[in-house]
Amino acid sequence: MLNKTGIPTAEDVKTVTPSQERLNKGPVAIIECFQKIPCNPCTEACKQGAILPMQDINDLPKMNFDNCNGCGVCLSRCPGLAIFIVDASYSATEAIVRIPYEYVPVPEAGSEVVGVDRAGKELGTFKVEKVQSGGPKNKTYTVWLIVPKEMAMDVRSIRLGGVRHAN
């Protein structure tokens, strides 16, 4: 399915998802990288040893979720925008999903945006908690989005401008 649509299946996503117990402990990186290509900025960026060394630059990244502290350095370094940080410990009912963002305008903290899933389907309107710049050399921003816990593994991007209504 991924090769035809570009959208990973639920089974694909399960292969890279930490346990619910780990998600509940605090922020953790989730790497939704499913195609073998010559790329390794995430492994070079991770100083925690959470992203394991690759035997070959074409290998898929592998995680040791217990070593991940959710710092997000890997998220801003991934050229494929395939890394997300999920923090299910944010509150009893909500999680923070940190999303890579490379469009303008950049949303502002406190604003509301439309969260979408991997296929671009609207999932609702969510509050932006924080926006981090990737720095002067890295134009990837990190948008911190507050979502219901049950949606933390579904919201993977945002759209500005409100919900679109079908005609």
N, C-alpha and C. Protein backbone atom coordinates (compact mmCIF):
# COMPACT_ATOMS: atom_id res chain seq x y z
N MET A 1 0.81 -1.19 0.00
CA MET A 1 0.00 0.00 0.00
C MET A 1 0.86 1.27 0.00
N LEU A 2 1.92 1.28 0.82
CA LEU A 2 2.79 2.44 0.92
C LEU A 2 3.37 2.82 -0.45
N ASN A 3 3.78 1.82 -1.23
CA ASN A 3 4.37 2.10 -2.54
C ASN A 3 3.38 2.70 -3.52
N LYS A 4 2.10 2.41 -3.35
CA LYS A 4 1.08 2.93 -4.26
C LYS A 4 0.53 4.27 -3.82
N THR A 5 0.34 4.46 -2.52
CA THR A 5 -0.32 5.67 -2.02
C THR A 5 0.61 6.64 -1.31
N GLY A 6 1.73 6.15 -0.82
CA GLY A 6 2.62 6.97 -0.01
C GLY A 6 2.18 7.04 1.44
N ILE A 7 1.12 6.34 1.77
CA ILE A 7 0.56 6.37 3.12
C ILE A 7 0.81 5.03 3.79
N PRO A 8 1.46 5.03 4.95
CA PRO A 8 1.71 3.75 5.63
C PRO A 8 0.40 3.15 6.15
N THR A 9 0.36 1.84 6.18
CA THR A 9 -0.79 1.14 6.73
C THR A 9 -0.70 1.13 8.26
N ALA A 10 -1.78 0.74 8.90
CA ALA A 10 -1.78 0.61 10.36
C ALA A 10 -0.72 -0.39 10.80
N GLU A 11 -0.53 -1.44 10.01
CA GLU A 11 0.49 -2.44 10.33
C GLU A 11 1.89 -1.85 10.24
N ASP A 12 2.12 -1.00 9.22
CA ASP A 12 3.41 -0.32 9.09
C ASP A 12 3.69 0.52 10.34
N VAL A 13 2.69 1.28 10.73
CA VAL A 13 2.85 2.19 11.87
C VAL A 13 3.11 1.42 13.16
N LYS A 14 2.45 0.29 13.34
CA LYS A 14 2.66 -0.52 14.54
C LYS A 14 4.11 -0.96 14.69
N THR A 15 4.80 -1.16 13.56
CA THR A 15 6.19 -1.63 13.63
C THR A 15 7.15 -0.58 14.20
N VAL A 16 6.73 0.69 14.23
CA VAL A 16 7.61 1.76 14.71
C VAL A 16 7.06 2.48 15.94
N THR A 17 5.98 1.96 16.51
CA THR A 17 5.32 2.61 17.64
C THR A 17 5.79 2.02 18.96
N PRO A 18 6.16 2.90 19.91
CA PRO A 18 6.53 2.39 21.23
C PRO A 18 5.31 1.84 21.96
N SER A 19 5.54 1.12 23.02
CA SER A 19 4.44 0.58 23.83
C SER A 19 3.66 1.73 24.46
N GLN A 20 2.42 1.45 24.83
CA GLN A 20 1.61 2.46 25.51
C GLN A 20 2.27 2.87 26.82
N GLU A 21 2.89 1.91 27.49
CA GLU A 21 3.60 2.21 28.73
C GLU A 21 4.70 3.24 28.49
N ARG A 22 5.48 3.07 27.41
CA ARG A 22 6.54 4.04 27.10
C ARG A 22 5.96 5.39 26.71
N LEU A 23 4.88 5.39 25.92
CA LEU A 23 4.24 6.64 25.53
C LEU A 23 3.80 7.43 26.76
N ASN A 24 3.32 6.74 27.77
CA ASN A 24 2.82 7.38 28.98
C ASN A 24 3.92 7.92 29.88
N LYS A 25 5.17 7.47 29.67
CA LYS A 25 6.29 7.91 30.52
C LYS A 25 6.77 9.32 30.21
N GLY A 26 6.49 9.81 29.00
CA GLY A 26 6.96 11.14 28.62
C GLY A 26 7.31 11.17 27.15
N PRO A 27 7.86 12.30 26.70
CA PRO A 27 8.12 12.48 25.27
C PRO A 27 9.03 11.41 24.69
N VAL A 28 8.67 10.95 23.49
CA VAL A 28 9.44 9.93 22.81
C VAL A 28 9.34 10.15 21.29
N ALA A 29 10.44 9.96 20.61
CA ALA A 29 10.47 10.10 19.15
C ALA A 29 9.87 8.87 18.50
N ILE A 30 9.12 9.10 17.43
CA ILE A 30 8.57 8.02 16.62
C ILE A 30 9.01 8.29 15.20
N ILE A 31 9.74 7.34 14.62
CA ILE A 31 10.29 7.51 13.28
C ILE A 31 9.44 6.72 12.30
N GLU A 32 8.65 7.43 11.49
CA GLU A 32 7.79 6.79 10.50
C GLU A 32 8.49 6.78 9.14
N CYS A 33 9.64 6.18 9.13
CA CYS A 33 10.47 6.06 7.93
C CYS A 33 10.35 4.61 7.45
N PHE A 34 9.76 4.41 6.28
CA PHE A 34 9.45 3.06 5.82
C PHE A 34 10.13 2.68 4.51
N GLN A 35 10.93 3.57 3.94
CA GLN A 35 11.58 3.24 2.67
C GLN A 35 13.09 3.29 2.84
N LYS A 36 13.74 2.27 2.32
CA LYS A 36 15.19 2.20 2.40
C LYS A 36 15.79 3.16 1.39
N ILE A 37 16.38 4.24 1.91
CA ILE A 37 17.05 5.23 1.07
C ILE A 37 18.35 5.63 1.77
N PRO A 38 19.32 6.17 1.04
CA PRO A 38 20.57 6.56 1.69
C PRO A 38 20.36 7.84 2.52
N CYS A 39 20.15 7.66 3.82
CA CYS A 39 19.85 8.79 4.69
C CYS A 39 20.19 8.39 6.13
N ASN A 40 20.86 9.28 6.87
CA ASN A 40 21.14 8.97 8.28
C ASN A 40 21.27 10.20 9.18
N PRO A 41 20.73 11.36 8.84
CA PRO A 41 20.87 12.51 9.74
C PRO A 41 20.30 12.26 11.14
N CYS A 42 19.26 11.44 11.24
CA CYS A 42 18.68 11.19 12.57
C CYS A 42 19.66 10.44 13.46
N THR A 43 20.36 9.46 12.91
CA THR A 43 21.30 8.70 13.73
C THR A 43 22.47 9.58 14.17
N GLU A 44 22.89 10.47 13.29
CA GLU A 44 23.99 11.39 13.62
C GLU A 44 23.55 12.41 14.67
N ALA A 45 22.26 12.80 14.65
CA ALA A 45 21.76 13.84 15.56
C ALA A 45 21.53 13.32 16.97
N CYS A 46 21.23 12.04 17.12
CA CYS A 46 20.83 11.50 18.42
C CYS A 46 22.04 11.27 19.33
N LYS A 47 22.13 12.10 20.36
CA LYS A 47 23.24 11.97 21.32
C LYS A 47 22.86 11.07 22.49
N GLN A 48 21.61 10.61 22.54
CA GLN A 48 21.13 9.75 23.63
C GLN A 48 21.36 8.26 23.34
N GLY A 49 21.71 7.93 22.10
CA GLY A 49 21.85 6.53 21.72
C GLY A 49 20.51 5.84 21.50
N ALA A 50 19.45 6.64 21.32
CA ALA A 50 18.12 6.07 21.12
C ALA A 50 17.94 5.57 19.69
N ILE A 51 18.54 6.27 18.73
CA ILE A 51 18.49 5.83 17.34
C ILE A 51 19.76 5.03 17.09
N LEU A 52 19.57 3.77 16.86
CA LEU A 52 20.70 2.84 16.81
C LEU A 52 21.55 3.04 15.57
N PRO A 53 22.85 2.79 15.67
CA PRO A 53 23.73 2.91 14.51
C PRO A 53 23.28 1.98 13.38
N MET A 54 23.47 2.44 12.16
CA MET A 54 23.08 1.65 10.98
C MET A 54 24.29 0.87 10.47
N GLN A 55 24.03 -0.33 9.99
CA GLN A 55 25.07 -1.11 9.33
C GLN A 55 25.35 -0.55 7.93
N ASP A 56 24.27 -0.07 7.30
CA ASP A 56 24.33 0.45 5.93
C ASP A 56 23.51 1.74 5.90
N ILE A 57 23.95 2.74 5.19
CA ILE A 57 23.25 4.03 5.14
C ILE A 57 21.84 3.90 4.55
N ASN A 58 21.55 2.79 3.88
CA ASN A 58 20.22 2.55 3.31
C ASN A 58 19.26 1.87 4.29
N ASP A 59 19.76 1.46 5.46
CA ASP A 59 18.91 0.78 6.44
C ASP A 59 17.85 1.73 6.99
N LEU A 60 16.75 1.14 7.44
CA LEU A 60 15.74 1.93 8.14
C LEU A 60 16.22 2.20 9.55
N PRO A 61 15.94 3.39 10.08
CA PRO A 61 16.36 3.67 11.46
C PRO A 61 15.63 2.78 12.45
N LYS A 62 16.33 2.38 13.47
CA LYS A 62 15.76 1.56 14.55
C LYS A 62 15.92 2.33 15.86
N MET A 63 14.91 2.20 16.72
CA MET A 63 14.88 2.95 17.98
C MET A 63 15.03 2.06 19.20
N ASN A 64 15.72 2.59 20.18
CA ASN A 64 15.66 2.06 21.55
C ASN A 64 14.87 3.11 22.32
N PHE A 65 13.55 2.91 22.43
CA PHE A 65 12.67 3.90 23.02
C PHE A 65 13.04 4.25 24.45
N ASP A 66 13.64 3.31 25.18
CA ASP A 66 14.01 3.57 26.58
C ASP A 66 15.12 4.61 26.69
N ASN A 67 15.93 4.76 25.65
CA ASN A 67 17.01 5.75 25.67
C ASN A 67 16.56 7.13 25.20
N CYS A 68 15.37 7.21 24.62
CA CYS A 68 14.90 8.48 24.05
C CYS A 68 14.33 9.37 25.15
N ASN A 69 14.78 10.62 25.16
CA ASN A 69 14.25 11.60 26.11
C ASN A 69 13.33 12.61 25.43
N GLY A 70 13.06 12.42 24.14
CA GLY A 70 12.15 13.30 23.42
C GLY A 70 12.70 14.69 23.16
N CYS A 71 14.01 14.84 23.11
CA CYS A 71 14.61 16.16 22.93
C CYS A 71 14.21 16.81 21.60
N GLY A 72 13.97 15.99 20.57
CA GLY A 72 13.51 16.51 19.29
C GLY A 72 14.58 16.92 18.30
N VAL A 73 15.84 16.73 18.64
CA VAL A 73 16.90 17.11 17.69
C VAL A 73 16.75 16.31 16.40
N CYS A 74 16.43 15.04 16.50
CA CYS A 74 16.27 14.20 15.32
C CYS A 74 15.12 14.69 14.44
N LEU A 75 14.04 15.17 15.06
CA LEU A 75 12.88 15.65 14.32
C LEU A 75 13.27 16.78 13.37
N SER A 76 14.04 17.73 13.87
CA SER A 76 14.40 18.88 13.04
C SER A 76 15.46 18.55 12.00
N ARG A 77 16.14 17.43 12.14
CA ARG A 77 17.19 17.06 11.19
C ARG A 77 16.70 16.13 10.08
N CYS A 78 15.52 15.54 10.23
CA CYS A 78 15.02 14.57 9.25
C CYS A 78 14.55 15.27 7.98
N PRO A 79 15.23 15.06 6.84
CA PRO A 79 14.81 15.72 5.60
C PRO A 79 13.48 15.21 5.05
N GLY A 80 13.04 14.05 5.52
CA GLY A 80 11.79 13.47 5.05
C GLY A 80 10.60 13.82 5.93
N LEU A 81 10.81 14.63 6.97
CA LEU A 81 9.74 15.02 7.91
C LEU A 81 9.01 13.79 8.44
N ALA A 82 9.78 12.74 8.74
CA ALA A 82 9.22 11.45 9.14
C ALA A 82 9.30 11.18 10.63
N ILE A 83 9.76 12.16 11.41
CA ILE A 83 9.92 11.95 12.85
C ILE A 83 8.97 12.87 13.60
N PHE A 84 8.30 12.30 14.59
CA PHE A 84 7.35 13.01 15.43
C PHE A 84 7.68 12.70 16.88
N ILE A 85 7.37 13.63 17.77
CA ILE A 85 7.55 13.39 19.20
C ILE A 85 6.15 13.33 19.81
N VAL A 86 5.88 12.28 20.55
CA VAL A 86 4.59 12.14 21.22
C VAL A 86 4.83 12.11 22.72
N ASP A 87 4.07 12.94 23.45
CA ASP A 87 4.14 12.96 24.91
C ASP A 87 2.74 12.72 25.46
N ALA A 88 2.45 11.47 25.79
CA ALA A 88 1.14 11.11 26.33
C ALA A 88 1.04 11.39 27.82
N SER A 89 2.11 11.91 28.42
CA SER A 89 2.07 12.24 29.85
C SER A 89 1.63 13.69 30.08
N TYR A 90 1.29 14.40 29.05
CA TYR A 90 0.95 15.83 29.16
C TYR A 90 -0.18 16.08 30.15
N SER A 91 -1.27 15.32 30.04
CA SER A 91 -2.37 15.43 31.02
C SER A 91 -3.14 14.11 31.01
N ALA A 92 -4.16 14.03 31.84
CA ALA A 92 -4.96 12.80 31.90
C ALA A 92 -5.72 12.54 30.61
N THR A 93 -6.05 13.60 29.87
CA THR A 93 -6.88 13.44 28.67
C THR A 93 -6.22 13.90 27.38
N GLU A 94 -5.10 14.61 27.50
CA GLU A 94 -4.47 15.17 26.31
C GLU A 94 -3.00 14.76 26.19
N ALA A 95 -2.53 14.82 24.96
CA ALA A 95 -1.12 14.55 24.66
C ALA A 95 -0.57 15.73 23.86
N ILE A 96 0.73 15.83 23.86
CA ILE A 96 1.40 16.78 22.96
C ILE A 96 1.99 15.96 21.82
N VAL A 97 1.73 16.41 20.60
CA VAL A 97 2.37 15.83 19.43
C VAL A 97 3.21 16.94 18.81
N ARG A 98 4.50 16.70 18.70
CA ARG A 98 5.39 17.67 18.06
C ARG A 98 5.57 17.26 16.61
N ILE A 99 5.30 18.21 15.74
CA ILE A 99 5.23 17.95 14.30
C ILE A 99 6.26 18.82 13.58
N PRO A 100 7.01 18.24 12.63
CA PRO A 100 7.90 19.08 11.82
C PRO A 100 7.06 19.92 10.86
N TYR A 101 7.47 21.16 10.63
CA TYR A 101 6.67 22.07 9.80
C TYR A 101 7.60 22.96 8.99
N GLU A 102 7.43 22.99 7.66
CA GLU A 102 8.32 23.76 6.79
C GLU A 102 7.57 24.69 5.84
N TYR A 103 6.40 25.16 6.24
CA TYR A 103 5.61 26.04 5.39
C TYR A 103 5.53 27.43 6.02
N VAL A 104 5.09 28.41 5.22
CA VAL A 104 4.81 29.74 5.75
C VAL A 104 3.36 30.06 5.42
N PRO A 105 2.67 30.75 6.26
CA PRO A 105 3.16 31.28 7.52
C PRO A 105 3.28 30.17 8.57
N VAL A 106 4.10 30.43 9.56
CA VAL A 106 4.27 29.50 10.68
C VAL A 106 3.19 29.85 11.71
N PRO A 107 2.48 28.85 12.22
CA PRO A 107 1.46 29.16 13.23
C PRO A 107 2.09 29.73 14.49
N GLU A 108 1.27 30.42 15.26
CA GLU A 108 1.76 31.02 16.51
C GLU A 108 1.23 30.24 17.71
N ALA A 109 2.00 30.23 18.78
CA ALA A 109 1.53 29.62 20.03
C ALA A 109 0.21 30.26 20.43
N GLY A 110 -0.73 29.43 20.86
CA GLY A 110 -2.04 29.90 21.25
C GLY A 110 -3.07 29.89 20.14
N SER A 111 -2.61 29.77 18.90
CA SER A 111 -3.55 29.73 17.78
C SER A 111 -4.13 28.32 17.64
N GLU A 112 -5.17 28.22 16.83
CA GLU A 112 -5.77 26.92 16.55
C GLU A 112 -5.52 26.57 15.10
N VAL A 113 -5.22 25.29 14.87
CA VAL A 113 -4.95 24.79 13.53
C VAL A 113 -5.75 23.51 13.33
N VAL A 114 -5.88 23.10 12.09
CA VAL A 114 -6.56 21.85 11.79
C VAL A 114 -5.51 20.74 11.77
N GLY A 115 -5.73 19.72 12.57
CA GLY A 115 -4.85 18.55 12.57
C GLY A 115 -5.33 17.57 11.52
N VAL A 116 -4.38 16.99 10.79
CA VAL A 116 -4.73 16.01 9.76
C VAL A 116 -3.95 14.72 10.00
N ASP A 117 -4.47 13.64 9.45
CA ASP A 117 -3.79 12.35 9.57
C ASP A 117 -2.80 12.17 8.43
N ARG A 118 -2.23 11.00 8.32
CA ARG A 118 -1.21 10.72 7.32
C ARG A 118 -1.72 10.86 5.89
N ALA A 119 -3.03 10.73 5.70
CA ALA A 119 -3.64 10.84 4.37
C ALA A 119 -4.18 12.24 4.11
N GLY A 120 -4.02 13.16 5.08
CA GLY A 120 -4.52 14.51 4.92
C GLY A 120 -5.96 14.71 5.36
N LYS A 121 -6.56 13.69 5.95
CA LYS A 121 -7.94 13.79 6.44
C LYS A 121 -7.98 14.64 7.70
N GLU A 122 -8.91 15.60 7.73
CA GLU A 122 -9.06 16.47 8.88
C GLU A 122 -9.54 15.68 10.09
N LEU A 123 -8.88 15.89 11.22
CA LEU A 123 -9.24 15.20 12.46
C LEU A 123 -9.83 16.14 13.49
N GLY A 124 -9.74 17.43 13.27
CA GLY A 124 -10.29 18.40 14.20
C GLY A 124 -9.41 19.62 14.31
N THR A 125 -9.84 20.54 15.17
CA THR A 125 -9.11 21.78 15.41
C THR A 125 -8.41 21.65 16.76
N PHE A 126 -7.12 21.99 16.78
CA PHE A 126 -6.32 21.79 17.97
C PHE A 126 -5.48 23.04 18.26
N LYS A 127 -5.17 23.22 19.54
CA LYS A 127 -4.40 24.38 19.98
C LYS A 127 -2.91 24.14 19.81
N VAL A 128 -2.21 25.16 19.33
CA VAL A 128 -0.75 25.15 19.24
C VAL A 128 -0.21 25.61 20.59
N GLU A 129 0.52 24.74 21.26
CA GLU A 129 1.09 25.05 22.57
C GLU A 129 2.36 25.88 22.44
N LYS A 130 3.17 25.53 21.43
CA LYS A 130 4.49 26.16 21.29
C LYS A 130 4.96 25.96 19.86
N VAL A 131 5.84 26.85 19.40
CA VAL A 131 6.49 26.70 18.10
C VAL A 131 7.98 26.94 18.31
N GLN A 132 8.79 25.99 17.87
CA GLN A 132 10.25 26.11 17.99
C GLN A 132 10.86 26.27 16.62
N SER A 133 11.80 27.18 16.51
CA SER A 133 12.56 27.34 15.29
C SER A 133 13.67 26.30 15.26
N GLY A 134 14.00 25.85 14.06
CA GLY A 134 15.11 24.92 13.91
C GLY A 134 16.45 25.61 13.92
N GLY A 135 16.44 26.94 14.02
CA GLY A 135 17.68 27.71 14.04
C GLY A 135 17.96 28.34 12.70
N PRO A 136 19.00 29.15 12.63
CA PRO A 136 19.28 29.91 11.41
C PRO A 136 19.66 29.04 10.20
N LYS A 137 20.20 27.86 10.44
CA LYS A 137 20.60 27.00 9.32
C LYS A 137 19.55 25.95 8.98
N ASN A 138 18.58 25.74 9.87
CA ASN A 138 17.59 24.69 9.68
C ASN A 138 16.21 25.33 9.67
N LYS A 139 15.55 25.28 8.54
CA LYS A 139 14.25 25.95 8.40
C LYS A 139 13.08 25.09 8.84
N THR A 140 13.34 23.96 9.48
CA THR A 140 12.26 23.12 9.97
C THR A 140 11.84 23.60 11.36
N TYR A 141 10.61 24.03 11.46
CA TYR A 141 10.04 24.41 12.75
C TYR A 141 9.44 23.16 13.39
N THR A 142 9.27 23.21 14.71
CA THR A 142 8.57 22.16 15.43
C THR A 142 7.34 22.79 16.05
N VAL A 143 6.17 22.27 15.66
CA VAL A 143 4.91 22.76 16.19
C VAL A 143 4.44 21.79 17.26
N TRP A 144 4.21 22.29 18.46
CA TRP A 144 3.72 21.50 19.59
C TRP A 144 2.20 21.62 19.60
N LEU A 145 1.52 20.54 19.39
CA LEU A 145 0.07 20.53 19.24
C LEU A 145 -0.57 19.75 20.39
N ILE A 146 -1.58 20.31 21.03
CA ILE A 146 -2.32 19.62 22.09
C ILE A 146 -3.48 18.87 21.43
N VAL A 147 -3.49 17.55 21.61
CA VAL A 147 -4.53 16.71 21.00
C VAL A 147 -5.10 15.76 22.06
N PRO A 148 -6.32 15.26 21.85
CA PRO A 148 -6.82 14.22 22.75
C PRO A 148 -5.88 13.02 22.71
N LYS A 149 -5.66 12.40 23.86
CA LYS A 149 -4.73 11.26 23.92
C LYS A 149 -5.02 10.21 22.87
N GLU A 150 -6.28 9.91 22.64
CA GLU A 150 -6.63 8.86 21.68
C GLU A 150 -6.28 9.22 20.24
N MET A 151 -5.90 10.48 19.99
CA MET A 151 -5.53 10.90 18.64
C MET A 151 -4.02 11.10 18.47
N ALA A 152 -3.26 10.88 19.54
CA ALA A 152 -1.83 11.17 19.52
C ALA A 152 -1.08 10.39 18.43
N MET A 153 -1.54 9.20 18.10
CA MET A 153 -0.86 8.42 17.07
C MET A 153 -1.48 8.62 15.69
N ASP A 154 -2.44 9.54 15.59
CA ASP A 154 -3.09 9.80 14.31
C ASP A 154 -2.76 11.16 13.71
N VAL A 155 -2.67 12.20 14.54
CA VAL A 155 -2.40 13.54 14.04
C VAL A 155 -0.93 13.60 13.61
N ARG A 156 -0.70 13.89 12.33
CA ARG A 156 0.67 13.89 11.82
C ARG A 156 1.05 15.14 11.03
N SER A 157 0.10 16.05 10.85
CA SER A 157 0.42 17.30 10.19
C SER A 157 -0.68 18.30 10.55
N ILE A 158 -0.50 19.52 10.09
CA ILE A 158 -1.50 20.55 10.34
C ILE A 158 -1.77 21.33 9.07
N ARG A 159 -2.90 22.00 9.11
CA ARG A 159 -3.28 22.93 8.05
C ARG A 159 -3.82 24.18 8.71
N LEU A 160 -3.41 25.32 8.23
CA LEU A 160 -3.89 26.58 8.76
C LEU A 160 -5.18 26.97 8.03
N GLY A 161 -5.95 27.84 8.62
CA GLY A 161 -7.10 28.41 7.92
C GLY A 161 -8.44 27.79 8.27
N GLY A 162 -8.51 26.94 9.24
CA GLY A 162 -9.78 26.39 9.66
C GLY A 162 -10.22 25.17 8.87
N VAL A 163 -11.30 24.58 9.37
CA VAL A 163 -11.85 23.37 8.76
C VAL A 163 -12.48 23.72 7.43
N ARG A 164 -12.24 22.90 6.45
CA ARG A 164 -12.86 23.08 5.13
C ARG A 164 -14.16 22.28 5.11
N HIS A 165 -15.19 22.91 4.61
CA HIS A 165 -16.48 22.23 4.52
C HIS A 165 -16.70 21.75 3.09
N ALA A 166 -17.12 20.49 2.95
CA ALA A 166 -17.40 19.94 1.62
C ALA A 166 -18.63 20.63 1.03
N ASN A 167 -18.59 20.92 -0.24
CA ASN A 167 -19.75 21.56 -0.91
C ASN A 167 -20.73 20.53 -1.38
